[in-house]
Amino acid sequence: EVQVDELQRLLAGMEKEHRSLLLKMKDGEAELARLRSVEGDKLAEQDRSAQLEKEVAALREKIHHLDDMLKSQQRKVRQMIEQLQNSKAVIQAKDAVIQELKERRSSLTRLRLLQNLEMHDRIEHLIEKQVSRGGHSSRARSKSEYVSRYAGGAKRLTGPKPLPLIRVVET
């Protein structure tokens, strides 16, 4: 009986130790699961952090590329503006030359008209002189008279020498 009691007491102690070890094992497994969870979270955070760093690096590269493109476009716009300003200056200079040439043409046209009128009057005068043969003498008109007569008193034009007198002979 003593041995049986001893065995039962040992058995009870073993059962108690068994339960105690089971509790310790469950606590250990729970702690291990918690640590694994924390480590998993840390790994997930590290993975996410690495992924975000890669995204940030890619975005920085894109921003750098866009900045380069923007600077290039700004350079092109500045060059186009300079070309436009240069073209405007050239056009203004050519317009001024054209205006000057128009004014010169107008002056030359008036001068030619005056010369033609003077020539016409001289021819008429010579014809009258030849017809009358010594009739009444009329004086030749000066250029200033022609200017006042045909140009409405416009400024006096001086130009090349008048053309030589052409003799018209009727037959």
Protein backbone atom coordinates (compact mmCIF):
# COMPACT_ATOMS: atom_id res chain seq x y z
CA GLU A 1 0.00 0.00 0.00
CA VAL A 2 2.86 2.31 0.76
CA GLN A 3 4.25 1.72 -2.64
CA VAL A 4 0.87 2.31 -4.23
CA ASP A 5 0.48 5.55 -2.24
CA GLU A 6 3.98 6.52 -3.20
CA LEU A 7 3.25 5.76 -6.83
CA GLN A 8 -0.05 7.70 -6.69
CA ARG A 9 1.69 10.64 -5.09
CA LEU A 10 4.40 10.46 -7.75
CA LEU A 11 1.73 10.09 -10.41
CA ALA A 12 -0.14 13.12 -9.01
CA GLY A 13 3.14 15.06 -8.94
CA MET A 14 3.85 13.98 -12.47
CA GLU A 15 0.37 15.06 -13.58
CA LYS A 16 0.83 18.38 -11.81
CA GLU A 17 4.23 18.82 -13.47
CA HIS A 18 2.65 17.75 -16.78
CA ARG A 19 0.00 20.47 -16.50
CA SER A 20 2.63 22.96 -15.43
CA LEU A 21 4.80 22.06 -18.44
CA LEU A 22 1.75 22.24 -20.74
CA LEU A 23 1.05 25.75 -19.47
CA LYS A 24 4.66 26.74 -19.92
CA MET A 25 4.62 25.24 -23.42
CA LYS A 26 1.42 27.14 -24.31
CA ASP A 27 2.91 30.35 -22.92
CA GLY A 28 6.12 29.72 -24.90
CA GLU A 29 4.16 29.04 -28.09
CA ALA A 30 2.09 32.20 -27.56
CA GLU A 31 5.28 34.23 -26.99
CA LEU A 32 6.86 32.64 -30.06
CA ALA A 33 3.75 33.42 -32.12
CA ARG A 34 3.80 37.00 -30.83
CA LEU A 35 7.53 37.34 -31.66
CA ARG A 36 6.97 35.85 -35.09
CA SER A 37 4.10 38.30 -35.60
CA VAL A 38 6.28 41.23 -34.49
CA GLU A 39 9.12 40.02 -36.71
CA GLY A 40 6.68 39.52 -39.56
CA ASP A 41 5.41 43.05 -39.03
CA LYS A 42 8.98 44.30 -38.97
CA LEU A 43 9.75 42.38 -42.18
CA ALA A 44 6.56 43.68 -43.76
CA GLU A 45 7.53 47.20 -42.68
CA GLN A 46 11.02 46.72 -44.03
CA ASP A 47 9.64 45.40 -47.33
CA ARG A 48 7.18 48.30 -47.53
CA SER A 49 9.95 50.75 -46.64
CA ALA A 50 12.22 49.32 -49.35
CA GLN A 51 9.36 49.49 -51.87
CA LEU A 52 8.63 53.11 -50.92
CA GLU A 53 12.31 53.99 -51.25
CA LYS A 54 12.32 52.51 -54.76
CA GLU A 55 9.19 54.50 -55.66
CA VAL A 56 10.71 57.70 -54.27
CA ALA A 57 13.90 57.11 -56.27
CA ALA A 58 11.86 56.50 -59.45
CA LEU A 59 9.82 59.66 -58.81
CA ARG A 60 12.99 61.70 -58.24
CA GLU A 61 14.36 60.42 -61.53
CA LYS A 62 11.13 61.36 -63.31
CA ILE A 63 11.15 64.80 -61.72
CA HIS A 64 14.78 65.30 -62.78
CA HIS A 65 13.90 64.21 -66.33
CA LEU A 66 10.89 66.56 -66.40
CA ASP A 67 13.03 69.43 -65.11
CA ASP A 68 15.52 68.81 -67.92
CA MET A 69 12.71 68.74 -70.47
CA LEU A 70 11.22 71.93 -69.01
CA LYS A 71 14.57 73.73 -69.19
CA SER A 72 15.01 72.56 -72.77
CA GLN A 73 11.54 73.82 -73.72
CA GLN A 74 12.21 77.15 -72.00
CA ARG A 75 15.46 77.47 -73.97
CA LYS A 76 13.59 76.77 -77.20
CA VAL A 77 10.92 79.34 -76.34
CA ARG A 78 13.58 81.96 -75.57
CA GLN A 79 15.30 81.21 -78.88
CA MET A 80 12.00 81.46 -80.73
CA ILE A 81 11.24 84.80 -79.04
CA GLU A 82 14.70 86.09 -79.99
CA GLN A 83 14.20 84.93 -83.58
CA LEU A 84 10.81 86.60 -83.65
CA GLN A 85 12.25 89.86 -82.31
CA ASN A 86 15.11 89.69 -84.84
CA SER A 87 12.62 89.02 -87.63
CA LYS A 88 10.48 91.98 -86.51
CA ALA A 89 13.55 94.21 -86.51
CA VAL A 90 14.51 93.04 -90.01
CA ILE A 91 10.94 93.55 -91.23
CA GLN A 92 10.84 97.06 -89.74
CA ALA A 93 14.15 97.90 -91.41
CA LYS A 94 12.88 96.57 -94.74
CA ASP A 95 9.60 98.44 -94.29
CA ALA A 96 11.59 101.63 -93.73
CA VAL A 97 13.62 100.98 -96.88
CA ILE A 98 10.43 100.25 -98.82
CA GLN A 99 8.84 103.47 -97.55
CA GLU A 100 11.95 105.43 -98.51
CA LEU A 101 11.93 103.86 -101.97
CA LYS A 102 8.23 104.68 -102.39
CA GLU A 103 8.93 108.30 -101.44
CA ARG A 104 11.85 108.45 -103.88
CA ARG A 105 9.70 106.89 -106.60
CA SER A 106 6.98 109.44 -105.93
CA SER A 107 9.50 112.27 -106.08
CA LEU A 108 11.01 110.92 -109.28
CA THR A 109 7.56 110.50 -110.79
CA ARG A 110 6.70 114.14 -109.97
CA LEU A 111 10.04 115.26 -111.36
CA ARG A 112 9.53 113.26 -114.56
CA LEU A 113 6.02 114.71 -114.87
CA LEU A 114 7.38 118.23 -114.45
CA GLN A 115 10.12 117.55 -116.99
CA ASN A 116 7.56 116.17 -119.43
CA LEU A 117 5.31 119.20 -118.94
CA GLU A 118 8.27 121.53 -119.38
CA MET A 119 9.26 119.69 -122.54
CA HIS A 120 5.69 119.82 -123.80
CA ASP A 121 5.50 123.57 -123.17
CA ARG A 122 8.87 124.14 -124.90
CA ILE A 123 7.75 122.14 -127.89
CA GLU A 124 4.51 124.13 -128.05
CA HIS A 125 6.47 127.32 -127.71
CA LEU A 126 8.85 126.35 -130.51
CA ILE A 127 5.96 125.31 -132.71
CA GLU A 128 4.25 128.65 -132.05
CA LYS A 129 7.51 130.42 -132.78
CA GLN A 130 7.98 128.59 -136.05
CA VAL A 131 4.40 129.21 -137.07
CA SER A 132 4.51 132.89 -136.29
CA ARG A 133 8.09 133.28 -137.58
CA GLY A 134 9.20 136.10 -135.55
CA GLY A 135 5.73 137.12 -134.36
CA HIS A 136 5.62 137.86 -130.70
CA SER A 137 8.38 136.62 -128.53
CA SER A 138 7.42 134.69 -125.50
CA ARG A 139 9.95 133.87 -122.88
CA ALA A 140 10.72 130.30 -121.83
CA ARG A 141 9.33 129.34 -118.47
CA SER A 142 11.70 128.48 -115.67
CA LYS A 143 11.53 125.30 -113.67
CA SER A 144 10.19 127.16 -110.66
CA GLU A 145 7.23 128.35 -112.73
CA TYR A 146 6.51 124.78 -113.75
CA VAL A 147 6.72 123.65 -110.17
CA SER A 148 4.24 126.31 -109.09
CA ARG A 149 2.04 125.73 -112.15
CA TYR A 150 1.90 121.91 -112.17
CA ALA A 151 2.73 120.87 -108.63
CA GLY A 152 0.43 123.29 -106.87
CA GLY A 153 3.27 125.20 -105.29
CA ALA A 154 4.95 122.09 -103.94
CA LYS A 155 8.57 122.22 -102.91
CA ARG A 156 11.04 123.05 -105.62
CA LEU A 157 12.52 119.94 -107.14
CA THR A 158 15.99 119.88 -108.51
CA GLY A 159 17.00 116.95 -110.56
CA PRO A 160 19.10 116.01 -113.52
CA LYS A 161 19.59 118.48 -116.36
CA PRO A 162 16.61 118.76 -118.67
CA LEU A 163 16.71 116.73 -121.81
CA PRO A 164 17.97 118.48 -124.97
CA LEU A 165 15.41 120.31 -127.02
CA ILE A 166 13.79 118.21 -129.71
CA ARG A 167 12.99 119.97 -132.93
CA VAL A 168 9.71 119.02 -134.45
CA VAL A 169 9.47 119.73 -138.12
CA GLU A 170 6.17 119.44 -139.87
CA THR A 171 6.25 118.29 -143.45
